PDB file of N, CA and C in Angstrom:
ATOM      1  N   MET A   1       0.844  -1.184   0.000  1.00  0.00           N
ATOM      2  CA  MET A   1       0.000   0.000   0.000  1.00  0.00           C
ATOM      3  C   MET A   1       0.884   1.241   0.000  1.00  0.00           C
ATOM      4  N   PHE A   2       0.265   2.364   0.315  1.00  0.00           N
ATOM      5  CA  PHE A   2       0.970   3.632   0.301  1.00  0.00           C
ATOM      6  C   PHE A   2       1.627   3.887   1.651  1.00  0.00           C
ATOM      7  N   ARG A   3       2.726   4.576   1.613  1.00  0.00           N
ATOM      8  CA  ARG A   3       3.375   4.990   2.856  1.00  0.00           C
ATOM      9  C   ARG A   3       2.649   6.197   3.414  1.00  0.00           C
ATOM     10  N   ARG A   4       2.489   6.199   4.687  1.00  0.00           N
ATOM     11  CA  ARG A   4       1.800   7.320   5.323  1.00  0.00           C
ATOM     12  C   ARG A   4       2.788   8.099   6.170  1.00  0.00           C
ATOM     13  N   GLY A   5       2.420   9.322   6.450  1.00  0.00           N
ATOM     14  CA  GLY A   5       3.197  10.057   7.426  1.00  0.00           C
ATOM     15  C   GLY A   5       3.901  11.280   6.894  1.00  0.00           C
ATOM     16  N   LYS A   6       4.272  11.317   5.649  1.00  0.00           N
ATOM     17  CA  LYS A   6       5.061  12.445   5.169  1.00  0.00           C
ATOM     18  C   LYS A   6       4.201  13.638   4.790  1.00  0.00           C
ATOM     19  N   LEU A   7       3.080  13.405   4.137  1.00  0.00           N
ATOM     20  CA  LEU A   7       2.308  14.530   3.627  1.00  0.00           C
ATOM     21  C   LEU A   7       1.547  15.275   4.712  1.00  0.00           C
ATOM     22  N   HIS A   8       1.042  14.598   5.718  1.00  0.00           N
ATOM     23  CA  HIS A   8       0.228  15.316   6.695  1.00  0.00           C
ATOM     24  C   HIS A   8       1.064  16.125   7.678  1.00  0.00           C
ATOM     25  N   PHE A   9       2.384  15.939   7.686  1.00  0.00           N
ATOM     26  CA  PHE A   9       3.235  16.749   8.551  1.00  0.00           C
ATOM     27  C   PHE A   9       3.641  18.066   7.901  1.00  0.00           C
ATOM     28  N   LEU A  10       3.404  18.207   6.610  1.00  0.00           N
ATOM     29  CA  LEU A  10       3.737  19.460   5.944  1.00  0.00           C
ATOM     30  C   LEU A  10       2.789  20.549   6.429  1.00  0.00           C
ATOM     31  N   SER A  11       3.356  21.717   6.639  1.00  0.00           N
ATOM     32  CA  SER A  11       2.599  22.767   7.325  1.00  0.00           C
ATOM     33  C   SER A  11       1.562  23.446   6.443  1.00  0.00           C
ATOM     34  N   THR A  12       1.860  23.625   5.171  1.00  0.00           N
ATOM     35  CA  THR A  12       0.919  24.372   4.339  1.00  0.00           C
ATOM     36  C   THR A  12       0.387  23.508   3.205  1.00  0.00           C
ATOM     37  N   LYS A  13      -0.719  23.952   2.699  1.00  0.00           N
ATOM     38  CA  LYS A  13      -1.338  23.261   1.575  1.00  0.00           C
ATOM     39  C   LYS A  13      -0.446  23.337   0.343  1.00  0.00           C
ATOM     40  N   ASP A  14       0.250  24.459   0.165  1.00  0.00           N
ATOM     41  CA  ASP A  14       1.150  24.623  -0.984  1.00  0.00           C
ATOM     42  C   ASP A  14       2.279  23.601  -0.960  1.00  0.00           C
ATOM     43  N   ASP A  15       2.798  23.306   0.237  1.00  0.00           N
ATOM     44  CA  ASP A  15       3.854  22.304   0.342  1.00  0.00           C
ATOM     45  C   ASP A  15       3.343  20.923  -0.063  1.00  0.00           C
ATOM     46  N   ARG A  16       2.145  20.601   0.378  1.00  0.00           N
ATOM     47  CA  ARG A  16       1.563  19.303   0.023  1.00  0.00           C
ATOM     48  C   ARG A  16       1.312  19.216  -1.484  1.00  0.00           C
ATOM     49  N   ILE A  17       0.826  20.290  -2.077  1.00  0.00           N
ATOM     50  CA  ILE A  17       0.582  20.308  -3.524  1.00  0.00           C
ATOM     51  C   ILE A  17       1.895  20.163  -4.285  1.00  0.00           C
ATOM     52  N   LYS A  18       2.940  20.811  -3.790  1.00  0.00           N
ATOM     53  CA  LYS A  18       4.254  20.719  -4.430  1.00  0.00           C
ATOM     54  C   LYS A  18       4.755  19.271  -4.412  1.00  0.00           C
ATOM     55  N   ILE A  19       4.636  18.620  -3.272  1.00  0.00           N
ATOM     56  CA  ILE A  19       5.083  17.230  -3.159  1.00  0.00           C
ATOM     57  C   ILE A  19       4.269  16.330  -4.092  1.00  0.00           C
ATOM     58  N   MET A  20       2.965  16.546  -4.135  1.00  0.00           N
ATOM     59  CA  MET A  20       2.119  15.731  -5.019  1.00  0.00           C
ATOM     60  C   MET A  20       2.475  15.945  -6.483  1.00  0.00           C
ATOM     61  N   ASN A  21       2.729  17.169  -6.874  1.00  0.00           N
ATOM     62  CA  ASN A  21       3.122  17.451  -8.261  1.00  0.00           C
ATOM     63  C   ASN A  21       4.460  16.807  -8.606  1.00  0.00           C
ATOM     64  N   GLU A  22       5.387  16.820  -7.655  1.00  0.00           N
ATOM     65  CA  GLU A  22       6.675  16.161  -7.882  1.00  0.00           C
ATOM     66  C   GLU A  22       6.486  14.661  -8.087  1.00  0.00           C
ATOM     67  N   ARG A  23       5.600  14.065  -7.279  1.00  0.00           N
ATOM     68  CA  ARG A  23       5.327  12.632  -7.420  1.00  0.00           C
ATOM     69  C   ARG A  23       4.694  12.322  -8.782  1.00  0.00           C
ATOM     70  N   ILE A  24       3.767  13.161  -9.202  1.00  0.00           N
ATOM     71  CA  ILE A  24       3.111  12.958 -10.498  1.00  0.00           C
ATOM     72  C   ILE A  24       4.130  13.071 -11.623  1.00  0.00           C
ATOM     73  N   ASN A  25       4.989  14.073 -11.554  1.00  0.00           N
ATOM     74  CA  ASN A  25       6.016  14.252 -12.591  1.00  0.00           C
ATOM     75  C   ASN A  25       6.983  13.073 -12.631  1.00  0.00           C
ATOM     76  N   LEU A  26       7.377  12.587 -11.444  1.00  0.00           N
ATOM     77  CA  LEU A  26       8.283  11.447 -11.373  1.00  0.00           C
ATOM     78  C   LEU A  26       7.631  10.199 -11.978  1.00  0.00           C
ATOM     79  N   THR A  27       6.370   9.981 -11.645  1.00  0.00           N
ATOM     80  CA  THR A  27       5.648   8.825 -12.174  1.00  0.00           C
ATOM     81  C   THR A  27       5.498   8.918 -13.686  1.00  0.00           C
ATOM     82  N   GLU A  28       5.137  10.086 -14.189  1.00  0.00           N
ATOM     83  CA  GLU A  28       4.999  10.263 -15.637  1.00  0.00           C
ATOM     84  C   GLU A  28       6.317  10.010 -16.351  1.00  0.00           C
ATOM     85  N   LYS A  29       7.406  10.487 -15.770  1.00  0.00           N
ATOM     86  CA  LYS A  29       8.724  10.302 -16.383  1.00  0.00           C
ATOM     87  C   LYS A  29       9.059   8.816 -16.496  1.00  0.00           C
ATOM     88  N   HIS A  30       8.866   8.083 -15.399  1.00  0.00           N
ATOM     89  CA  HIS A  30       9.219   6.666 -15.414  1.00  0.00           C
ATOM     90  C   HIS A  30       8.283   5.854 -16.303  1.00  0.00           C
ATOM     91  N   LEU A  31       7.005   6.179 -16.311  1.00  0.00           N
ATOM     92  CA  LEU A  31       6.082   5.465 -17.190  1.00  0.00           C
ATOM     93  C   LEU A  31       6.397   5.729 -18.655  1.00  0.00           C
ATOM     94  N   LEU A  32       6.835   6.936 -18.970  1.00  0.00           N
ATOM     95  CA  LEU A  32       7.244   7.247 -20.337  1.00  0.00           C
ATOM     96  C   LEU A  32       8.451   6.401 -20.740  1.00  0.00           C
ATOM     97  N   ASP A  33       9.423   6.276 -19.831  1.00  0.00           N
ATOM     98  CA  ASP A  33      10.595   5.446 -20.113  1.00  0.00           C
ATOM     99  C   ASP A  33      10.210   3.981 -20.300  1.00  0.00           C
ATOM    100  N   ILE A  34       9.298   3.497 -19.464  1.00  0.00           N
ATOM    101  CA  ILE A  34       8.867   2.104 -19.563  1.00  0.00           C
ATOM    102  C   ILE A  34       8.149   1.861 -20.886  1.00  0.00           C
ATOM    103  N   CYS A  35       7.262   2.765 -21.269  1.00  0.00           N
ATOM    104  CA  CYS A  35       6.543   2.615 -22.547  1.00  0.00           C
ATOM    105  C   CYS A  35       7.510   2.662 -23.724  1.00  0.00           C
ATOM    106  N   ALA A  36       8.512   3.523 -23.646  1.00  0.00           N
ATOM    107  CA  ALA A  36       9.509   3.594 -24.717  1.00  0.00           C
ATOM    108  C   ALA A  36      10.291   2.283 -24.812  1.00  0.00           C
ATOM    109  N   SER A  37      10.599   1.682 -23.672  1.00  0.00           N
ATOM    110  CA  SER A  37      11.305   0.399 -23.684  1.00  0.00           C
ATOM    111  C   SER A  37      10.440  -0.706 -24.273  1.00  0.00           C
ATOM    112  N   PHE A  38       9.149  -0.718 -23.918  1.00  0.00           N
ATOM    113  CA  PHE A  38       8.240  -1.696 -24.517  1.00  0.00           C
ATOM    114  C   PHE A  38       8.165  -1.511 -26.027  1.00  0.00           C
ATOM    115  N   ALA A  39       8.117  -0.279 -26.478  1.00  0.00           N
ATOM    116  CA  ALA A  39       8.060  -0.012 -27.918  1.00  0.00           C
ATOM    117  C   ALA A  39       9.331  -0.501 -28.603  1.00  0.00           C
ATOM    118  N   ALA A  40      10.482  -0.282 -27.966  1.00  0.00           N
ATOM    119  CA  ALA A  40      11.745  -0.756 -28.538  1.00  0.00           C
ATOM    120  C   ALA A  40      11.767  -2.285 -28.615  1.00  0.00           C
ATOM    121  N   CYS A  41      11.269  -2.938 -27.575  1.00  0.00           N
ATOM    122  CA  CYS A  41      11.195  -4.409 -27.597  1.00  0.00           C
ATOM    123  C   CYS A  41      10.298  -4.889 -28.723  1.00  0.00           C
ATOM    124  N   THR A  42       9.177  -4.230 -28.897  1.00  0.00           N
ATOM    125  CA  THR A  42       8.243  -4.612 -29.952  1.00  0.00           C
ATOM    126  C   THR A  42       8.890  -4.471 -31.325  1.00  0.00           C
ATOM    127  N   ARG A  43       9.613  -3.369 -31.532  1.00  0.00           N
ATOM    128  CA  ARG A  43      10.283  -3.176 -32.825  1.00  0.00           C
ATOM    129  C   ARG A  43      11.354  -4.239 -33.057  1.00  0.00           C
ATOM    130  N   LYS A  44      12.111  -4.579 -32.009  1.00  0.00           N
ATOM    131  CA  LYS A  44      13.165  -5.579 -32.166  1.00  0.00           C
ATOM    132  C   LYS A  44      12.582  -6.960 -32.451  1.00  0.00           C
ATOM    133  N   ILE A  45      11.488  -7.295 -31.777  1.00  0.00           N
ATOM    134  CA  ILE A  45      10.847  -8.581 -32.036  1.00  0.00           C
ATOM    135  C   ILE A  45      10.293  -8.609 -33.458  1.00  0.00           C
ATOM    136  N   ALA A  46       9.737  -7.486 -33.913  1.00  0.00           N
ATOM    137  CA  ALA A  46       9.205  -7.417 -35.279  1.00  0.00           C
ATOM    138  C   ALA A  46      10.330  -7.562 -36.305  1.00  0.00           C
ATOM    139  N   LYS A  47      11.496  -6.977 -36.033  1.00  0.00           N
ATOM    140  CA  LYS A  47      12.639  -7.144 -36.939  1.00  0.00           C
ATOM    141  C   LYS A  47      13.072  -8.602 -36.987  1.00  0.00           C
ATOM    142  N   CYS A  48      13.043  -9.255 -35.839  1.00  0.00           N
ATOM    143  CA  CYS A  48      13.404 -10.672 -35.789  1.00  0.00           C
ATOM    144  C   CYS A  48      12.402 -11.492 -36.595  1.00  0.00           C
ATOM    145  N   ARG A  49      11.140 -11.133 -36.495  1.00  0.00           N
ATOM    146  CA  ARG A  49      10.086 -11.802 -37.282  1.00  0.00           C
ATOM    147  C   ARG A  49      10.361 -11.638 -38.768  1.00  0.00           C
ATOM    148  N   ASN A  50      10.740 -10.444 -39.187  1.00  0.00           N
ATOM    149  CA  ASN A  50      11.061 -10.212 -40.600  1.00  0.00           C
ATOM    150  C   ASN A  50      12.274 -11.027 -41.035  1.00  0.00           C
ATOM    151  N   ALA A  51      13.259 -11.160 -40.145  1.00  0.00           N
ATOM    152  CA  ALA A  51      14.440 -11.958 -40.465  1.00  0.00           C
ATOM    153  C   ALA A  51      14.065 -13.433 -40.627  1.00  0.00           C
ATOM    154  N   PHE A  52      13.165 -13.930 -39.772  1.00  0.00           N
ATOM    155  CA  PHE A  52      12.694 -15.306 -39.913  1.00  0.00           C
ATOM    156  C   PHE A  52      11.962 -15.498 -41.239  1.00  0.00           C
ATOM    157  N   ASP A  53      11.136 -14.531 -41.613  1.00  0.00           N
ATOM    158  CA  ASP A  53      10.430 -14.617 -42.899  1.00  0.00           C
ATOM    159  C   ASP A  53      11.414 -14.676 -44.065  1.00  0.00           C
ATOM    160  N   ASP A  54      12.431 -13.827 -44.014  1.00  0.00           N
ATOM    161  CA  ASP A  54      13.438 -13.796 -45.076  1.00  0.00           C
ATOM    162  C   ASP A  54      14.188 -15.128 -45.146  1.00  0.00           C
ATOM    163  N   LEU A  55      14.569 -15.644 -43.992  1.00  0.00           N
ATOM    164  CA  LEU A  55      15.260 -16.935 -43.949  1.00  0.00           C
ATOM    165  C   LEU A  55      14.366 -18.047 -44.492  1.00  0.00           C
ATOM    166  N   GLY A  56      13.101 -18.028 -44.122  1.00  0.00           N
ATOM    167  CA  GLY A  56      12.167 -19.037 -44.621  1.00  0.00           C
ATOM    168  C   GLY A  56      12.022 -18.993 -46.127  1.00  0.00           C
ATOM    169  N   HIS A  57      11.960 -17.790 -46.693  1.00  0.00           N
ATOM    170  CA  HIS A  57      11.852 -17.657 -48.152  1.00  0.00           C
ATOM    171  C   HIS A  57      13.102 -18.190 -48.851  1.00  0.00           C
ATOM    172  N   LYS A  58      14.258 -17.916 -48.285  1.00  0.00           N
ATOM    173  CA  LYS A  58      15.499 -18.389 -48.912  1.00  0.00           C
ATOM    174  C   LYS A  58      15.614 -19.909 -48.855  1.00  0.00           C
ATOM    175  N   VAL A  59      15.239 -20.482 -47.709  1.00  0.00           N
ATOM    176  CA  VAL A  59      15.276 -21.943 -47.592  1.00  0.00           C
ATOM    177  C   VAL A  59      14.247 -22.568 -48.534  1.00  0.00           C
ATOM    178  N   GLN A  60      13.076 -21.952 -48.633  1.00  0.00           N
ATOM    179  CA  GLN A  60      12.029 -22.453 -49.536  1.00  0.00           C
ATOM    180  C   GLN A  60      12.484 -22.397 -50.995  1.00  0.00           C
ATOM    181  N   ASN A  61      13.155 -21.321 -51.366  1.00  0.00           N
ATOM    182  CA  ASN A  61      13.678 -21.217 -52.735  1.00  0.00           C
ATOM    183  C   ASN A  61      14.691 -22.319 -53.027  1.00  0.00           C
ATOM    184  N   PHE A  62      15.552 -22.605 -52.047  1.00  0.00           N
ATOM    185  CA  PHE A  62      16.532 -23.672 -52.224  1.00  0.00           C
ATOM    186  C   PHE A  62      15.824 -25.016 -52.362  1.00  0.00           C
ATOM    187  N   ALA A  63      14.791 -25.240 -51.542  1.00  0.00           N
ATOM    188  CA  ALA A  63      14.053 -26.509 -51.608  1.00  0.00           C
ATOM    189  C   ALA A  63      13.353 -26.671 -52.953  1.00  0.00           C
ATOM    190  N   GLU A  64      12.823 -25.587 -53.496  1.00  0.00           N
ATOM    191  CA  GLU A  64      12.128 -25.662 -54.785  1.00  0.00           C
ATOM    192  C   GLU A  64      13.088 -25.910 -55.940  1.00  0.00           C
ATOM    193  N   GLU A  65      14.300 -25.402 -55.838  1.00  0.00           N
ATOM    194  CA  GLU A  65      15.266 -25.559 -56.925  1.00  0.00           C
ATOM    195  C   GLU A  65      16.048 -26.864 -56.839  1.00  0.00           C
ATOM    196  N   GLU A  66      15.960 -27.558 -55.704  1.00  0.00           N
ATOM    197  CA  GLU A  66      16.663 -28.837 -55.557  1.00  0.00           C
ATOM    198  C   GLU A  66      15.888 -29.923 -56.297  1.00  0.00           C
ATOM    199  N   LYS A  67      16.470 -30.431 -57.374  1.00  0.00           N
ATOM    200  CA  LYS A  67      15.790 -31.410 -58.228  1.00  0.00           C
ATOM    201  C   LYS A  67      16.352 -32.825 -58.089  1.00  0.00           C
ATOM    202  N   ILE A  68      17.569 -32.963 -57.613  1.00  0.00           N
ATOM    203  CA  ILE A  68      18.216 -34.278 -57.589  1.00  0.00           C
ATOM    204  C   ILE A  68      17.975 -34.993 -56.259  1.00  0.00           C
ATOM    205  N   ASN A  69      18.232 -34.321 -55.161  1.00  0.00           N
ATOM    206  CA  ASN A  69      18.139 -34.940 -53.840  1.00  0.00           C
ATOM    207  C   ASN A  69      16.778 -34.603 -53.224  1.00  0.00           C
ATOM    208  N   TYR A  70      15.847 -35.552 -53.334  1.00  0.00           N
ATOM    209  CA  TYR A  70      14.494 -35.296 -52.842  1.00  0.00           C
ATOM    210  C   TYR A  70      14.428 -35.256 -51.312  1.00  0.00           C
ATOM    211  N   SER A  71      15.276 -36.032 -50.648  1.00  0.00           N
ATOM    212  CA  SER A  71      15.252 -36.000 -49.181  1.00  0.00           C
ATOM    213  C   SER A  71      15.747 -34.646 -48.663  1.00  0.00           C
ATOM    214  N   LEU A  72      16.717 -34.057 -49.356  1.00  0.00           N
ATOM    215  CA  LEU A  72      17.164 -32.715 -48.984  1.00  0.00           C
ATOM    216  C   LEU A  72      16.038 -31.706 -49.191  1.00  0.00           C
ATOM    217  N   SER A  73      15.334 -31.833 -50.292  1.00  0.00           N
ATOM    218  CA  SER A  73      14.218 -30.936 -50.571  1.00  0.00           C
ATOM    219  C   SER A  73      13.122 -31.077 -49.514  1.00  0.00           C
ATOM    220  N   ASP A  74      12.816 -32.313 -49.126  1.00  0.00           N
ATOM    221  CA  ASP A  74      11.808 -32.535 -48.083  1.00  0.00           C
ATOM    222  C   ASP A  74      12.264 -31.967 -46.741  1.00  0.00           C
ATOM    223  N   GLY A  75      13.530 -32.165 -46.421  1.00  0.00           N
ATOM    224  CA  GLY A  75      14.070 -31.618 -45.169  1.00  0.00           C
ATOM    225  C   GLY A  75      14.031 -30.099 -45.147  1.00  0.00           C
ATOM    226  N   LEU A  76      14.376 -29.487 -46.264  1.00  0.00           N
ATOM    227  CA  LEU A  76      14.325 -28.027 -46.347  1.00  0.00           C
ATOM    228  C   LEU A  76      12.889 -27.515 -46.240  1.00  0.00           C
ATOM    229  N   ASN A  77      11.945 -28.253 -46.819  1.00  0.00           N
ATOM    230  CA  ASN A  77      10.538 -27.870 -46.675  1.00  0.00           C
ATOM    231  C   ASN A  77      10.089 -27.971 -45.218  1.00  0.00           C
ATOM    232  N   SER A  78      10.577 -28.992 -44.510  1.00  0.00           N
ATOM    233  CA  SER A  78      10.251 -29.123 -43.083  1.00  0.00           C
ATOM    234  C   SER A  78      10.837 -27.963 -42.281  1.00  0.00           C
ATOM    235  N   ILE A  79      12.070 -27.585 -42.612  1.00  0.00           N
ATOM    236  CA  ILE A  79      12.693 -26.442 -41.934  1.00  0.00           C
ATOM    237  C   ILE A  79      11.900 -25.170 -42.210  1.00  0.00           C
ATOM    238  N   THR A  80      11.464 -25.004 -43.453  1.00  0.00           N
ATOM    239  CA  THR A  80      10.663 -23.827 -43.809  1.00  0.00           C
ATOM    240  C   THR A  80       9.369 -23.785 -43.005  1.00  0.00           C
ATOM    241  N   THR A  81       8.731 -24.938 -42.860  1.00  0.00           N
ATOM    242  CA  THR A  81       7.495 -24.994 -42.075  1.00  0.00           C
ATOM    243  C   THR A  81       7.765 -24.623 -40.618  1.00  0.00           C
ATOM    244  N   SER A  82       8.853 -25.147 -40.062  1.00  0.00           N
ATOM    245  CA  SER A  82       9.202 -24.824 -38.672  1.00  0.00           C
ATOM    246  C   SER A  82       9.501 -23.340 -38.502  1.00  0.00           C
ATOM    247  N   LEU A  83      10.236 -22.777 -39.447  1.00  0.00           N
ATOM    248  CA  LEU A  83      10.546 -21.347 -39.382  1.00  0.00           C
ATOM    249  C   LEU A  83       9.279 -20.504 -39.482  1.00  0.00           C
ATOM    250  N   THR A  84       8.356 -20.932 -40.315  1.00  0.00           N
ATOM    251  CA  THR A  84       7.096 -20.201 -40.464  1.00  0.00           C
ATOM    252  C   THR A  84       6.290 -20.238 -39.171  1.00  0.00           C
ATOM    253  N   VAL A  85       6.255 -21.401 -38.525  1.00  0.00           N
ATOM    254  CA  VAL A  85       5.532 -21.518 -37.254  1.00  0.00           C
ATOM    255  C   VAL A  85       6.174 -20.625 -36.198  1.00  0.00           C
ATOM    256  N   GLN A  86       7.505 -20.639 -36.122  1.00  0.00           N
ATOM    257  CA  GLN A  86       8.194 -19.786 -35.152  1.00  0.00           C
ATOM    258  C   GLN A  86       7.961 -18.313 -35.448  1.00  0.00           C
ATOM    259  N   ALA A  87       7.983 -17.944 -36.710  1.00  0.00           N
ATOM    260  CA  ALA A  87       7.750 -16.547 -37.085  1.00  0.00           C
ATOM    261  C   ALA A  87       6.323 -16.125 -36.752  1.00  0.00           C
ATOM    262  N   ASP A  88       5.359 -17.022 -36.972  1.00  0.00           N
ATOM    263  CA  ASP A  88       3.974 -16.708 -36.613  1.00  0.00           C
ATOM    264  C   ASP A  88       3.824 -16.531 -35.106  1.00  0.00           C
ATOM    265  N   TYR A  89       4.521 -17.365 -34.342  1.00  0.00           N
ATOM    266  CA  TYR A  89       4.485 -17.231 -32.886  1.00  0.00           C
ATOM    267  C   TYR A  89       5.084 -15.896 -32.456  1.00  0.00           C
ATOM    268  N   MET A  90       6.196 -15.503 -33.074  1.00  0.00           N
ATOM    269  CA  MET A  90       6.800 -14.205 -32.753  1.00  0.00           C
ATOM    270  C   MET A  90       5.859 -13.064 -33.116  1.00  0.00           C
ATOM    271  N   ASP A  91       5.169 -13.192 -34.233  1.00  0.00           N
ATOM    272  CA  ASP A  91       4.206 -12.171 -34.633  1.00  0.00           C
ATOM    273  C   ASP A  91       3.076 -12.072 -33.614  1.00  0.00           C
ATOM    274  N   LEU A  92       2.627 -13.212 -33.116  1.00  0.00           N
ATOM    275  CA  LEU A  92       1.596 -13.223 -32.082  1.00  0.00           C
ATOM    276  C   LEU A  92       2.093 -12.523 -30.822  1.00  0.00           C
ATOM    277  N   LEU A  93       3.349 -12.770 -30.450  1.00  0.00           N
ATOM    278  CA  LEU A  93       3.920 -12.091 -29.283  1.00  0.00           C
ATOM    279  C   LEU A  93       3.967 -10.581 -29.484  1.00  0.00           C
ATOM    280  N   VAL A  94       4.337 -10.157 -30.683  1.00  0.00           N
ATOM    281  CA  VAL A  94       4.385  -8.721 -30.985  1.00  0.00           C
ATOM    282  C   VAL A  94       3.001  -8.108 -30.841  1.00  0.00           C
ATOM    283  N   HIS A  95       1.994  -8.776 -31.381  1.00  0.00           N
ATOM    284  CA  HIS A  95       0.630  -8.234 -31.302  1.00  0.00           C
ATOM    285  C   HIS A  95       0.127  -8.196 -29.861  1.00  0.00           C
ATOM    286  N   ARG A  96       0.450  -9.223 -29.081  1.00  0.00           N
ATOM    287  CA  ARG A  96       0.043  -9.219 -27.668  1.00  0.00           C
ATOM    288  C   ARG A  96       0.709  -8.075 -26.916  1.00  0.00           C
ATOM    289  N   LEU A  97       2.003  -7.888 -27.162  1.00  0.00           N
ATOM    290  CA  LEU A  97       2.719  -6.812 -26.488  1.00  0.00           C
ATOM    291  C   LEU A  97       2.174  -5.457 -26.897  1.00  0.00           C
ATOM    292  N   GLU A  98       1.878  -5.286 -28.175  1.00  0.00           N
ATOM    293  CA  GLU A  98       1.291  -4.025 -28.632  1.00  0.00           C
ATOM    294  C   GLU A  98      -0.063  -3.774 -27.977  1.00  0.00           C
ATOM    295  N   MET A  99      -0.874  -4.811 -27.859  1.00  0.00           N
ATOM    296  CA  MET A  99      -2.189  -4.649 -27.243  1.00  0.00           C
ATOM    297  C   MET A  99      -2.067  -4.292 -25.764  1.00  0.00           C
ATOM    298  N   LYS A 100      -1.101  -4.899 -25.075  1.00  0.00           N
ATOM    299  CA  LYS A 100      -0.904  -4.571 -23.664  1.00  0.00           C
ATOM    300  C   LYS A 100      -0.476  -3.122 -23.503  1.00  0.00           C
ATOM    301  N   ILE A 101       0.414  -2.666 -24.378  1.00  0.00           N
ATOM    302  CA  ILE A 101       0.895  -1.286 -24.288  1.00  0.00           C
ATOM    303  C   ILE A 101      -0.224  -0.315 -24.605  1.00  0.00           C
ATOM    304  N   VAL A 102      -0.989  -0.587 -25.643  1.00  0.00           N
ATOM    305  CA  VAL A 102      -2.053   0.325 -26.052  1.00  0.00           C
ATOM    306  C   VAL A 102      -3.175   0.357 -25.022  1.00  0.00           C
ATOM    307  N   ASN A 103      -3.544  -0.803 -24.493  1.00  0.00           N
ATOM    308  CA  ASN A 103      -4.659  -0.860 -23.550  1.00  0.00           C
ATOM    309  C   ASN A 103      -4.305  -0.335 -22.173  1.00  0.00           C
ATOM    310  N   GLU A 104      -3.045  -0.347 -21.815  1.00  0.00           N
ATOM    311  CA  GLU A 104      -2.657   0.149 -20.500  1.00  0.00           C
ATOM    312  C   GLU A 104      -2.049   1.498 -20.673  1.00  0.00           C
TER     313      GLU A 104
END
């Protein structure tokens, strides 16, 4: 809970208002920093998602062009599927984080 004792000992109403304004400013400053950090995390996760998509496309292209070794082509297709699932999961995390930031 809240700490008691400091505000009611202040002699004037102006002193209490000053302390409250300082607390509000401090809280706003820290919440702004926290929101900025969440936004940076969201951008970094989104960049990672884009990197996974790019990697998946390159592996898929290799699998499509592989004509001789069918087991290699099948393995590369499996890797592409796994990368796509991981990228979709990362995208879901980004959207959840964005919703938490926007709603709060």
